[in-house]
Protein backbone atom coordinates (compact mmCIF):
# COMPACT_ATOMS: atom_id res chain seq x y z
CA MET A 1 -18.42 -18.23 35.44
CA LEU A 2 -16.49 -19.59 32.45
CA THR A 3 -18.29 -22.50 30.81
CA GLY A 4 -16.66 -24.86 28.36
CA LEU A 5 -13.27 -23.31 29.05
CA LYS A 6 -10.45 -24.41 26.81
CA THR A 7 -6.95 -23.14 26.23
CA LYS A 8 -5.33 -22.87 22.85
CA ILE A 9 -1.92 -21.78 21.69
CA PHE A 10 -2.22 -19.86 18.47
CA LEU A 11 0.23 -19.90 15.63
CA GLY A 12 0.58 -16.88 13.34
CA VAL A 13 -1.74 -16.98 10.41
CA ALA A 14 -2.37 -14.91 7.30
CA LEU A 15 -4.85 -13.21 5.05
CA LEU A 16 -4.88 -14.36 1.47
CA ALA A 17 -3.32 -11.78 -0.84
CA THR A 18 -3.37 -11.25 -4.57
CA VAL A 19 -0.24 -10.29 -6.47
CA PHE A 20 -0.14 -8.02 -9.50
CA LEU A 21 3.13 -8.23 -11.44
CA PHE A 22 1.70 -7.13 -14.76
CA ILE A 23 0.17 -10.66 -14.81
CA LYS A 24 -2.14 -11.20 -11.85
CA THR A 25 -1.13 -14.22 -9.77
CA THR A 26 -2.17 -15.54 -6.38
CA GLN A 27 0.49 -15.75 -3.70
CA ALA A 28 0.87 -16.46 -0.01
CA ALA A 29 0.33 -13.73 2.56
CA SER A 30 1.41 -12.85 6.07
CA THR A 31 -0.42 -13.53 9.27
CA SER A 32 -3.63 -11.88 10.49
CA THR A 33 -4.27 -11.98 14.22
CA LEU A 34 -7.55 -10.38 15.24
CA ARG A 35 -7.85 -8.00 18.15
CA GLY A 36 -10.53 -5.90 19.78
CA LEU A 37 -14.15 -6.22 20.89
CA ALA A 38 -17.52 -6.79 19.25
CA TRP A 39 -20.48 -5.23 21.03
CA PHE A 40 -23.18 -7.66 22.20
CA GLY A 41 -25.78 -5.19 23.42
CA ALA A 42 -26.34 -4.06 26.97
CA VAL A 43 -27.66 -5.86 30.08
CA ASP A 44 -29.17 -3.63 32.80
CA GLY A 45 -27.60 -0.66 31.05
CA ILE A 46 -24.12 -2.19 31.02
CA ASP A 47 -22.49 -2.84 27.64
CA ASN A 48 -21.04 -6.29 27.15
CA TYR A 49 -18.55 -7.41 24.56
CA LEU A 50 -17.09 -10.39 22.74
CA SER A 51 -13.29 -10.32 23.00
CA PHE A 52 -11.29 -11.60 20.02
CA ASP A 53 -7.97 -11.85 21.86
CA CYS A 54 -7.22 -12.56 25.49
CA ALA A 55 -5.13 -9.37 25.63
CA ASP A 56 -8.42 -7.46 25.26
CA ASP A 57 -10.41 -9.44 27.85
CA ILE A 58 -12.19 -7.47 30.54
CA ILE A 59 -11.76 -9.64 33.64
CA GLY A 60 -11.84 -7.30 36.60
CA ASP A 61 -9.05 -4.76 36.10
CA LEU A 62 -9.88 -1.26 37.37
CA LEU A 63 -12.79 -1.45 39.78
CA ASP A 64 -13.90 2.08 38.94
CA VAL A 65 -14.82 1.01 35.38
CA THR A 66 -18.60 0.70 35.07
CA GLY A 67 -18.40 -2.48 33.02
CA ASN A 68 -16.73 -4.29 35.89
CA LEU A 69 -19.64 -3.65 38.26
CA TYR A 70 -21.81 -6.15 36.42
CA SER A 71 -25.22 -7.25 37.58
CA PHE A 72 -25.72 -10.19 35.24
CA PRO A 73 -25.48 -13.08 35.64
CA GLU A 74 -25.93 -13.50 39.35
CA PRO A 75 -24.42 -13.37 41.90
CA ARG A 76 -23.74 -9.66 41.77
CA GLY A 77 -20.26 -8.54 42.67
CA TYR A 78 -16.92 -7.35 41.45
CA HIS A 79 -14.73 -8.85 38.77
CA PHE A 80 -11.41 -8.76 40.55
CA TYR A 81 -8.21 -8.20 38.61
CA SER A 82 -6.87 -11.01 36.42
CA VAL A 83 -3.75 -10.76 34.30
CA PRO A 84 -4.78 -11.19 30.64
CA CYS A 85 -3.68 -14.33 28.78
CA THR A 86 -2.70 -16.29 31.90
CA SER A 87 -5.59 -18.43 33.16
CA LEU A 88 -7.39 -18.05 29.81
CA VAL A 89 -5.49 -18.01 26.53
CA HIS A 90 -7.58 -17.50 23.43
CA GLY A 91 -7.62 -15.62 20.14
CA VAL A 92 -9.10 -15.56 16.65
CA SER A 93 -6.97 -15.45 13.51
CA ILE A 94 -7.30 -15.75 9.74
CA ALA A 95 -5.09 -18.38 8.12
CA PRO A 96 -3.08 -17.99 4.89
CA ASN A 97 -5.91 -19.64 2.94
CA GLY A 98 -8.48 -17.16 4.30
CA ASN A 99 -10.04 -19.49 6.87
CA PHE A 100 -10.82 -18.27 10.41
CA PHE A 101 -9.71 -20.30 13.40
CA GLY A 102 -9.55 -19.89 17.17
CA ASP A 103 -11.84 -18.66 19.94
CA ALA A 104 -13.36 -15.40 21.09
CA TRP A 105 -14.64 -15.02 24.67
CA HIS A 106 -17.65 -13.45 26.36
CA TYR A 107 -17.89 -13.20 30.15
CA SER A 108 -21.25 -14.97 30.38
CA LEU A 109 -21.31 -17.05 27.18
CA GLY A 110 -17.78 -18.35 27.60
CA LEU A 111 -15.74 -19.28 24.55
CA VAL A 112 -17.08 -18.77 21.05
CA SER A 113 -15.29 -20.93 18.46
CA PHE A 114 -14.67 -20.03 14.82
CA ASP A 115 -13.56 -23.53 13.86
CA GLY A 116 -14.55 -27.07 14.72
CA SER A 117 -15.63 -30.49 13.45
CA ALA A 118 -19.42 -30.09 13.56
CA THR A 119 -21.38 -29.27 10.41
CA PRO A 120 -22.80 -25.70 10.44
CA PRO A 121 -26.54 -25.10 9.86
CA ASP A 122 -26.23 -24.36 6.12
CA SER A 123 -24.08 -27.46 5.49
CA TYR A 124 -21.27 -25.32 4.11
CA GLY A 125 -23.46 -23.43 1.68
CA PHE A 126 -21.18 -20.43 2.21
CA ASN A 127 -18.13 -22.35 0.97
CA SER A 128 -18.48 -21.09 -2.60
CA ASN A 129 -17.41 -17.66 -1.34
CA CYS A 130 -14.23 -18.91 0.31
CA PRO A 131 -10.85 -18.53 -1.39
CA SER A 132 -9.93 -22.03 -0.14
CA THR A 133 -11.95 -25.12 0.75
CA CYS A 134 -13.85 -24.80 4.00
CA ASN A 135 -15.28 -28.08 5.34
CA SER A 136 -15.46 -30.41 8.32
CA GLY A 137 -12.30 -32.17 7.15
CA ASN A 138 -10.16 -29.13 7.89
CA GLY A 139 -12.34 -27.91 10.77
CA CYS A 140 -13.33 -24.72 9.00
CA TRP A 141 -16.53 -22.86 9.92
CA SER A 142 -15.86 -19.42 8.45
CA CYS A 143 -13.62 -17.63 5.95
CA TYR A 144 -12.64 -14.23 4.59
CA SER A 145 -12.45 -13.28 0.90
CA THR A 146 -10.18 -10.45 -0.22
CA SER A 147 -12.14 -10.10 -3.48
CA THR A 148 -15.34 -9.08 -1.67
CA GLN A 149 -13.72 -7.97 1.64
CA GLN A 150 -16.46 -10.01 3.35
CA ALA A 151 -16.49 -12.71 6.03
CA TYR A 152 -18.65 -15.80 5.47
CA GLY A 153 -19.77 -18.71 7.61
CA TRP A 154 -20.33 -19.36 11.28
CA ALA A 155 -19.08 -19.33 14.86
CA GLN A 156 -20.47 -21.40 17.73
CA VAL A 157 -20.97 -20.82 21.45
CA ASP A 158 -19.17 -23.73 23.12
CA SER A 159 -21.39 -23.89 26.19
CA THR A 160 -24.76 -23.97 24.40
CA GLY A 161 -23.98 -25.04 20.83
CA GLU A 162 -25.82 -22.00 19.46
CA TRP A 163 -24.63 -20.70 16.11
CA ILE A 164 -23.62 -17.15 15.12
CA LYS A 165 -23.72 -16.28 11.42
CA LEU A 166 -21.51 -13.64 9.81
CA ASP A 167 -24.21 -12.40 7.45
CA SER A 168 -26.24 -9.79 9.35
CA ALA A 169 -29.48 -11.32 8.04
CA THR A 170 -31.61 -9.79 10.78
CA THR A 171 -30.21 -6.25 10.82
CA SER A 172 -31.85 -3.44 8.93
CA PRO A 173 -30.25 -2.31 6.76
CA ALA A 174 -28.29 -5.53 6.22
CA SER A 175 -24.64 -5.00 7.14
CA PRO A 176 -22.41 -8.04 6.58
CA VAL A 177 -19.15 -8.52 8.43
CA MET A 178 -16.47 -6.97 6.23
CA LEU A 179 -12.77 -6.16 6.55
CA GLN A 180 -11.46 -2.91 5.08
CA ASP A 181 -8.90 -3.67 2.39
CA TRP A 182 -5.60 -1.76 2.27
CA ASP A 183 -6.55 -0.21 -1.08
CA ILE A 184 -9.46 1.99 0.00
CA VAL A 185 -9.32 4.01 -3.23
CA GLY A 186 -8.61 1.25 -5.71
CA ARG A 187 -11.10 -1.28 -4.35
CA PRO A 188 -13.77 0.72 -2.50
CA ILE A 189 -16.15 -2.18 -1.90
CA MET A 190 -16.95 -1.20 1.67
CA PRO A 191 -19.14 1.82 2.45
CA LEU A 192 -16.95 4.92 2.45
CA ASN A 193 -16.14 5.90 6.02
CA PRO A 194 -12.91 7.83 6.71
CA ASN A 195 -12.80 6.46 10.26
CA VAL A 196 -12.69 2.83 9.11
CA GLN A 197 -9.01 2.17 8.51
CA PRO A 198 -7.35 -0.71 6.60
CA GLY A 199 -7.51 -3.77 8.80
CA ASP A 200 -10.74 -2.70 10.58
CA PHE A 201 -13.91 -4.80 10.52
CA ILE A 202 -17.40 -3.39 10.24
CA GLY A 203 -20.87 -4.96 10.18
CA TYR A 204 -22.95 -7.42 12.19
CA ALA A 205 -23.00 -11.14 12.92
CA THR A 206 -26.50 -12.61 13.30
CA SER A 207 -27.27 -14.33 16.61
CA THR A 208 -30.17 -16.33 18.05
CA LEU A 209 -29.08 -15.21 21.51
CA GLY A 210 -31.43 -12.23 21.49
CA LYS A 211 -28.82 -9.77 20.22
CA ASN A 212 -26.46 -9.44 17.27
CA PHE A 213 -22.73 -8.81 17.41
CA SER A 214 -21.62 -5.41 16.06
CA PHE A 215 -18.00 -5.42 14.89
CA ASN A 216 -17.42 -1.66 14.84
CA CYS A 217 -19.03 1.33 16.51
CA GLU A 218 -18.60 3.20 13.20
CA SER A 219 -21.16 0.93 11.53
CA GLU A 220 -23.42 0.38 14.53
CA ILE A 221 -27.03 1.06 13.54
CA GLY A 222 -28.25 3.90 15.74
CA GLY A 223 -25.00 3.87 17.65
CA ASP A 224 -22.32 6.43 18.38
CA CYS A 225 -18.58 5.90 18.93
CA ASP A 226 -18.64 8.64 21.56
CA THR A 227 -21.00 6.42 23.54
CA ARG A 228 -19.29 3.08 22.84
CA ASN A 229 -15.82 3.05 21.32
CA TYR A 230 -15.00 -0.45 20.10
CA LYS A 231 -14.02 -2.41 17.00
CA VAL A 232 -12.60 -5.72 15.82
CA TYR A 233 -9.44 -5.30 13.77
CA VAL A 234 -6.31 -7.02 12.50
CA GLY A 235 -3.79 -6.28 15.21
CA ASN A 236 -0.51 -7.28 13.63
CA VAL A 237 1.05 -4.93 11.09
CA GLN A 238 1.01 -6.29 7.54
CA VAL A 239 1.95 -5.13 4.08
CA GLY A 240 -0.67 -4.73 1.37
CA GLN A 241 1.44 -3.76 -1.64
CA MET A 242 5.08 -3.44 -2.69
CA SER A 243 6.23 -1.46 -5.74
CA ALA A 244 9.53 -0.68 -7.49
CA PRO A 245 11.58 0.98 -8.87
CA ASN A 246 9.30 4.06 -8.92
CA TRP A 247 11.85 6.07 -10.90
CA GLY A 248 10.41 7.63 -14.04
CA TYR A 249 12.04 9.51 -16.90
CA SER A 250 11.75 12.90 -15.24
CA ASN A 251 13.44 11.45 -12.12
CA ALA A 252 16.21 9.87 -14.19
CA CYS A 253 16.83 13.12 -16.09
CA GLY A 254 16.86 15.31 -13.00
CA GLY A 255 18.39 13.03 -10.38
CA GLY A 256 20.39 10.41 -12.27
CA ALA A 257 19.23 7.10 -13.74
CA LEU A 258 20.76 4.73 -11.20
CA THR A 259 18.21 5.10 -8.41
CA ALA A 260 15.32 3.00 -7.11
CA VAL A 261 12.61 3.99 -4.65
CA LEU A 262 11.14 0.92 -2.94
CA LYS A 263 7.61 1.65 -1.72
CA TRP A 264 4.93 -0.25 0.17
CA LYS A 265 1.48 0.19 1.70
CA THR A 266 0.27 -1.37 4.94
CA ARG A 267 -2.91 -3.43 5.04
CA SER A 268 -3.33 -3.46 8.82
CA GLY A 269 -1.72 -2.43 12.08
CA THR A 270 0.64 0.49 12.71
CA GLN A 271 4.18 0.38 11.38
CA ALA A 272 6.81 1.50 13.87
CA ALA A 273 9.87 0.24 11.98
CA TYR A 274 10.89 -1.59 8.82
CA GLU A 275 13.76 -3.59 7.36
CA ILE A 276 14.74 -4.19 3.71
CA VAL A 277 17.04 -6.60 1.89
CA VAL A 278 17.95 -6.16 -1.80
CA ASN A 279 19.93 -8.68 -3.85
CA ASP A 280 20.81 -9.32 -7.48
CA GLU A 281 19.90 -13.00 -7.14
CA ASP A 282 16.90 -14.75 -5.61
CA THR A 283 18.74 -15.46 -2.38
CA PHE A 284 17.72 -13.90 0.91
CA SER A 285 20.68 -12.85 3.02
CA THR A 286 21.52 -9.87 5.18
CA SER A 287 25.26 -10.58 4.96
CA THR A 288 25.74 -11.18 1.21
CA SER A 289 23.05 -8.88 -0.11
CA VAL A 290 23.56 -5.85 -2.32
CA CYS A 291 21.73 -3.72 0.24
CA TRP A 292 20.55 -4.33 3.79
CA SER A 293 18.88 -1.36 5.45
CA GLY A 294 19.11 -2.64 8.99
CA ILE A 295 16.11 -1.87 11.17
CA LYS A 296 14.79 1.62 10.47
CA TYR A 297 12.68 2.95 13.35
CA SER A 298 10.35 4.90 11.14
CA SER A 299 6.78 4.92 9.84
CA SER A 300 8.06 5.85 6.36
CA LEU A 301 6.64 3.71 3.56
CA GLN A 302 9.57 4.02 1.17
CA TYR A 303 13.30 3.41 0.99
CA THR A 304 15.62 5.00 -1.59
CA ILE A 305 18.80 3.51 -3.03
CA PRO A 306 21.51 4.88 -3.12
CA ASN A 307 21.80 6.12 0.44
CA ALA A 308 24.33 6.49 3.22
CA ASP A 309 23.52 3.23 5.05
CA PRO A 310 26.80 1.32 5.61
CA ASP A 311 25.41 -2.04 4.46
CA CYS A 312 23.69 -0.70 1.36
CA GLY A 313 25.86 -0.73 -1.75
CA SER A 314 25.24 1.00 -5.06
CA LEU A 315 23.01 -0.41 -7.76
CA SER A 316 24.31 -1.38 -11.20
CA TYR A 317 22.92 -0.45 -14.59
CA GLY A 318 20.79 -2.96 -16.50
CA THR A 319 20.41 -5.29 -13.50
CA HIS A 320 17.45 -7.24 -12.11
CA TYR A 321 17.01 -6.87 -8.36
CA TYR A 322 15.00 -8.91 -5.85
CA TRP A 323 13.91 -7.34 -2.59
CA TRP A 324 12.36 -8.35 0.71
CA LEU A 325 10.59 -6.30 3.36
CA ARG A 326 9.40 -6.82 6.89
CA VAL A 327 7.64 -4.29 9.08
CA TYR A 328 7.52 -3.97 12.85
CA SER A 329 4.79 -3.04 15.30
CA LEU A 330 5.47 -1.49 18.70
CA ASP A 331 3.56 -2.93 21.65
CA ASP A 332 4.44 -2.11 25.26
CA GLY A 333 7.92 -1.00 24.22
CA VAL A 334 8.63 -4.18 22.24
CA TYR A 335 9.18 -4.14 18.46
CA THR A 336 7.56 -7.19 16.89
CA PRO A 337 8.44 -8.07 13.27
CA SER A 338 6.08 -9.35 10.61
CA ASP A 339 6.98 -12.18 8.28
CA TRP A 340 9.35 -11.32 5.45
CA TYR A 341 7.52 -10.27 2.28
CA GLN A 342 9.22 -10.83 -1.06
CA PHE A 343 8.45 -8.50 -3.93
CA GLY A 344 6.40 -10.31 -6.55
CA ASP A 345 5.97 -13.41 -4.43
CA SER A 346 4.32 -12.88 -1.06
CA VAL A 347 2.24 -9.72 -1.50
CA GLU A 348 0.52 -7.72 -4.21
CA SER A 349 3.41 -6.28 -6.19
CA VAL A 350 3.74 -3.64 -8.89
CA ASP A 351 6.80 -3.75 -11.13
CA ASN A 352 6.93 -0.39 -12.90
CA SER A 353 10.33 -0.92 -14.53
CA LEU A 354 10.18 1.11 -17.74
CA ASP A 355 12.40 -1.26 -19.72
CA THR A 356 10.95 -4.67 -20.65
CA ASN A 357 11.38 -6.92 -17.63
CA ILE A 358 10.76 -10.66 -18.07
CA VAL A 359 12.42 -11.87 -14.86
CA PRO A 360 9.78 -12.63 -12.17
CA LYS A 361 10.03 -11.12 -8.70
CA THR A 362 12.43 -8.38 -9.79
CA PHE A 363 12.60 -4.75 -10.78
CA LEU A 364 15.03 -3.64 -13.49
CA THR A 365 17.38 -0.66 -13.45
CA TYR A 366 17.99 1.47 -16.54
CA LYS A 367 20.73 0.37 -18.97
CA HIS A 368 22.73 3.56 -18.59
CA ALA A 369 22.53 7.26 -17.82
CA PHE A 370 20.02 9.38 -19.70
CA PRO A 371 21.00 11.78 -22.51
CA SER A 372 22.20 15.29 -21.68
CA PRO A 373 20.70 17.83 -24.10
CA PHE A 374 22.25 21.25 -24.63
CA PHE A 375 21.77 24.01 -27.16
CA SER A 376 22.92 27.52 -28.02
CA TRP A 377 21.54 30.20 -30.36
CA SER A 378 22.52 33.15 -32.44
CA PRO A 379 22.14 36.00 -32.68
CA PHE A 380 22.01 36.33 -28.92
CA GLU A 381 19.45 39.15 -29.08
CA VAL A 382 16.29 37.58 -30.54
CA LYS A 383 13.89 39.76 -32.46
CA VAL A 384 10.41 39.36 -33.90
CA GLY A 385 10.28 38.44 -37.56
CA THR A 386 13.98 37.65 -37.89
CA SER A 387 15.70 34.25 -38.11
CA THR A 388 17.34 32.82 -35.01
CA GLU A 389 19.46 29.69 -35.33
CA PHE A 390 19.38 27.11 -32.53
CA VAL A 391 22.13 24.50 -32.45
CA SER A 392 22.20 21.35 -30.28
CA ASP A 393 25.94 21.36 -29.67
CA ASN A 394 27.71 19.44 -26.89
CA SER A 395 24.71 17.15 -26.30
CA ARG A 396 25.66 13.71 -24.99
CA TYR A 397 24.22 10.21 -24.81
CA TYR A 398 25.35 6.99 -23.08
CA SER A 399 25.51 3.34 -24.07
CA TYR A 400 25.36 -0.11 -22.45
CA PRO A 401 27.44 -1.81 -21.20
CA GLY A 402 29.80 0.45 -19.33
CA ASN A 403 27.72 3.63 -19.32
CA VAL A 404 30.03 5.04 -22.00
CA GLN A 405 29.51 8.68 -23.03
CA HIS A 406 29.20 9.70 -26.70
CA ASP A 407 28.57 12.86 -28.69
CA CYS A 408 25.08 13.12 -30.17
CA ASP A 409 24.41 13.60 -33.87
CA THR A 410 21.45 13.05 -36.15
CA ALA A 411 22.60 9.51 -36.97
CA VAL A 412 22.09 8.25 -33.40
CA CYS A 413 20.03 10.83 -31.47
CA SER A 414 16.58 12.19 -32.21
CA TYR A 415 15.66 15.86 -31.76
CA LEU A 416 12.39 17.70 -31.30
CA TRP A 417 12.24 21.49 -30.98
CA SER A 418 9.20 23.37 -29.69
CA THR A 419 8.30 26.83 -28.42
CA THR A 420 5.54 28.48 -26.44
CA ASP A 421 5.00 31.01 -29.24
CA PRO A 422 2.06 29.38 -31.07
CA GLU A 423 2.60 31.48 -34.18
CA ALA A 424 6.33 30.92 -34.47
CA THR A 425 7.74 29.16 -37.53
CA ILE A 426 10.13 26.30 -36.74
CA TYR A 427 12.24 25.06 -39.65
CA ASP A 428 13.63 21.49 -39.36
CA PRO A 429 12.10 20.82 -35.91
CA THR A 430 13.63 17.30 -35.82
CA ASN A 431 17.15 18.31 -36.81
CA ALA A 432 20.13 19.03 -34.56
CA THR A 433 20.13 22.56 -35.91
CA THR A 434 16.95 24.53 -36.53
CA THR A 435 15.86 28.04 -37.38
CA ILE A 436 12.95 29.73 -35.63
CA ILE A 437 11.17 32.95 -36.61
CA PHE A 438 9.17 34.30 -33.67
CA ALA A 439 5.90 36.15 -34.27
CA THR A 440 5.25 37.71 -30.86
CA ALA A 441 7.33 40.04 -28.73
CA THR A 442 7.00 38.40 -25.34
CA SER A 443 8.76 36.04 -22.94
CA THR A 444 8.98 32.74 -24.85
CA THR A 445 10.28 29.30 -23.87
CA ILE A 446 12.25 27.16 -26.32
CA ASN A 447 12.47 23.45 -25.57
CA LEU A 448 14.63 20.65 -26.98
CA LEU A 449 13.65 17.02 -26.42
CA LEU A 450 16.63 14.70 -27.00
CA THR A 451 16.15 10.92 -27.43
CA ASP A 452 19.02 8.42 -27.42
CA PRO A 453 19.30 5.11 -29.36
CA ASP A 454 17.62 3.22 -26.47
CA SER A 455 14.64 5.60 -26.55
CA TYR A 456 15.59 7.26 -23.27
CA TYR A 457 14.81 10.95 -23.48
CA CYS A 458 15.41 14.18 -21.58
CA SER A 459 14.64 17.79 -22.37
CA THR A 460 16.17 21.15 -21.72
CA SER A 461 14.68 24.58 -22.19
CA THR A 462 15.40 28.27 -21.90
CA THR A 463 13.18 31.32 -21.79
CA LEU A 464 14.04 34.30 -23.97
CA SER A 465 12.64 37.80 -24.24
CA ILE A 466 11.64 38.28 -27.86
CA ASN A 467 11.90 41.96 -28.85
CA TYR A 468 10.76 44.14 -31.73
CA GLY A 469 13.54 45.41 -33.96
CA LEU A 470 14.36 49.10 -33.72
CA PRO A 471 12.48 51.25 -36.30
CA ILE A 472 14.43 52.54 -39.32
CA TRP A 473 14.77 56.35 -39.26
CA ARG A 474 15.49 58.57 -42.23
CA GLU A 475 15.63 62.28 -42.42
CA VAL A 476 13.06 63.91 -44.71
CA LYS A 477 13.48 67.48 -45.92
CA PRO A 478 10.45 69.56 -45.06
CA GLU A 479 8.38 70.74 -47.98
CA ASP A 480 8.07 74.44 -48.75
CA ARG A 481 4.64 75.89 -48.36
């Protein structure tokens, strides 16, 4: 039944990733192990599939499943139960350089290889699309490009030598084999389909076997996932982007400046847990790090410092921090970790430190706490058309090093007064003390924006009820008539 059978042990491999750390650089990525089934049409009304991992093979298992009562090829009969990945071990993966390798399996075709030493029909004409060299010297027959999200090249049926091309040349409309990128919004190259998740393939591979291989029921021409529910996908959980410190001015003013929110996005798989290491030097260690989260059994895609974790210390002002992340999948009750990703090195990374940061692979904390604006006014009852004095007294700013507190004055701090009364007159709007004459009797907000010598700024505001002054009464003697 199985022709050209061969057994392979597969190492973990990886999709090529692109890193953005203000300057776009190319970095290594984590492994991509393919799972699932591609549909290869129906024989005598029975759907048949190409399995991309032995864990997904249909070899007997459940005799009441229609697909196991096959009638082709002869002799007719049952597929009796076989434990997956025992007598036949196979799988298809994508290496760190973007090249496919390994074997898929079909019950009548046998093994279908994605790598080998023979020269494919187009003599590597597809190689210009590959992120790394694909040739007979490295046994490459096919590759995946993150820039186009498309697969290129060939696979071969071991038993017959027939070639399968990942270009959908004979389908109408043409639908190349593509892999949904993690950034569906930012890089929407693939046709928009909310059911195609990051890490899912879509499209067709062209075959001379009488049928083409459909990689996803969502893109099947004339098909319906309610009729056939299948897809080829990246099975292992991976990270698509890391970002830090994600702590803007409004956060620093309202919640303190010494905080970092480490965020990430997955590119494939389902995260069941995660683990983070943060250090102030480019040295990975869970024992000598500034912060080690331990394993968090959560699907959350962010981690905030400071926190109550016993092995996570406080951050320091004006410090560059490195951080590492690994995520876990949950399969049959077992948590399986990914590779470790380092921020700025092994995955697309966004450093949104608001101070100038020239140290690669780090995010930078603020130099010190943000200024604390405060003001008072007199007279306390504010009236239309009269002068009200606003004074920024008791405002504070901080300096580096040491986060030392100082009193603000016009020599070191900058002031900007504003109000929601568009017709109000503001005298000296950039002084510590200003006078405002309000034009409208209504509820009006007065705001003070305070900026310290390092250009950190915070604002404070209050809302006052502006009233009309009481009318002036005088008694007038009535005239005689």
